[in-house]
Protein backbone atom coordinates (compact mmCIF):
# COMPACT_ATOMS: atom_id res chain seq x y z
CA UNK A 1 31.70 -0.59 -58.85
CA UNK A 2 34.83 1.06 -59.19
CA UNK A 3 34.94 4.94 -59.67
CA UNK A 4 36.77 4.34 -63.02
CA UNK A 5 33.37 3.04 -64.67
CA UNK A 6 31.40 6.26 -63.63
CA UNK A 7 30.98 9.02 -66.15
CA UNK A 8 30.54 11.64 -63.39
CA UNK A 9 32.35 11.96 -59.99
CA UNK A 10 30.69 12.93 -56.72
CA UNK A 11 31.71 16.81 -57.25
CA UNK A 12 29.70 16.79 -60.89
CA UNK A 13 26.89 15.12 -59.26
CA UNK A 14 26.90 17.76 -56.60
CA UNK A 15 27.05 20.78 -58.91
CA UNK A 16 24.18 19.14 -61.30
CA UNK A 17 21.99 18.69 -58.43
CA UNK A 18 22.31 22.30 -57.54
CA UNK A 19 21.63 23.28 -61.05
CA UNK A 20 18.80 21.36 -60.93
CA UNK A 21 17.48 23.11 -57.90
CA UNK A 22 18.12 26.67 -59.10
CA UNK A 23 16.35 25.82 -62.25
CA UNK A 24 13.41 24.56 -60.29
CA UNK A 25 13.23 27.85 -58.23
CA UNK A 26 13.42 29.63 -61.62
CA UNK A 27 10.18 27.71 -63.03
CA UNK A 28 8.78 28.31 -59.55
CA UNK A 29 9.42 31.97 -59.92
CA UNK A 30 7.57 32.12 -63.32
CA UNK A 31 4.37 30.43 -61.71
CA UNK A 32 1.69 32.72 -60.68
CA UNK A 33 -2.04 33.27 -61.47
CA UNK A 34 -3.19 33.39 -65.07
CA UNK A 35 -5.47 35.83 -67.12
CA UNK A 36 -9.09 34.31 -67.41
CA UNK A 37 -12.03 35.14 -69.31
CA UNK A 38 -13.53 36.67 -66.35
CA UNK A 39 -10.78 39.39 -65.86
CA UNK A 40 -7.23 40.39 -66.72
CA UNK A 41 -4.28 39.55 -64.42
CA UNK A 42 -1.68 42.23 -64.38
CA UNK A 43 0.74 40.15 -62.31
CA UNK A 44 1.77 38.03 -65.74
CA UNK A 45 3.76 41.23 -66.60
CA UNK A 46 5.64 41.63 -63.15
CA UNK A 47 9.40 41.87 -63.27
CA UNK A 48 9.73 38.70 -61.21
CA UNK A 49 7.84 36.67 -63.89
CA UNK A 50 9.47 38.36 -66.81
CA UNK A 51 13.08 39.35 -65.83
CA UNK A 52 14.09 37.65 -62.81
CA UNK A 53 12.68 34.07 -63.32
CA UNK A 54 14.45 33.63 -66.69
CA UNK A 55 17.72 34.80 -65.59
CA UNK A 56 17.71 32.54 -62.39
CA UNK A 57 16.97 29.29 -65.03
CA UNK A 58 19.76 30.33 -67.25
CA UNK A 59 21.83 30.63 -64.60
CA UNK A 60 20.63 27.09 -63.81
CA UNK A 61 21.25 25.52 -67.23
CA UNK A 62 24.93 27.31 -67.29
CA UNK A 63 25.77 25.71 -64.12
CA UNK A 64 24.59 22.19 -65.46
CA UNK A 65 26.49 22.82 -68.53
CA UNK A 66 29.46 23.47 -65.97
CA UNK A 67 28.70 20.47 -63.79
CA UNK A 68 28.65 18.04 -66.81
CA UNK A 69 31.93 19.51 -68.05
CA UNK A 70 33.63 19.81 -64.81
CA UNK A 71 37.02 17.60 -64.65
CA UNK A 72 37.40 15.76 -61.61
CA UNK A 73 40.95 16.12 -59.88
CA UNK A 74 43.33 13.47 -59.83
CA UNK A 75 41.39 11.48 -62.65
CA UNK A 76 44.72 10.74 -64.63
CA UNK A 77 46.14 9.73 -61.49
CA UNK A 78 43.82 6.99 -60.72
CA UNK A 79 43.65 5.77 -64.17
CA UNK A 80 47.55 5.25 -64.29
CA UNK A 81 47.70 3.29 -61.06
């Protein structure tokens, strides 16, 4: 299979893979103990879960969009040959 038939090139896949890892890290930062009927858990309002984790996820989503739209270099040169 030649590279002409692929929608993404190697650099696109590397960027998308890094973005996926960043998104997973953001969701792991959001996780933690939950409030139950037995008691209130004040950690649900921590800065890590409310501020840091959503920002990390947003960075991952923006990086994913960039990875999808990133043009591979020399794409036109390969198609002309």
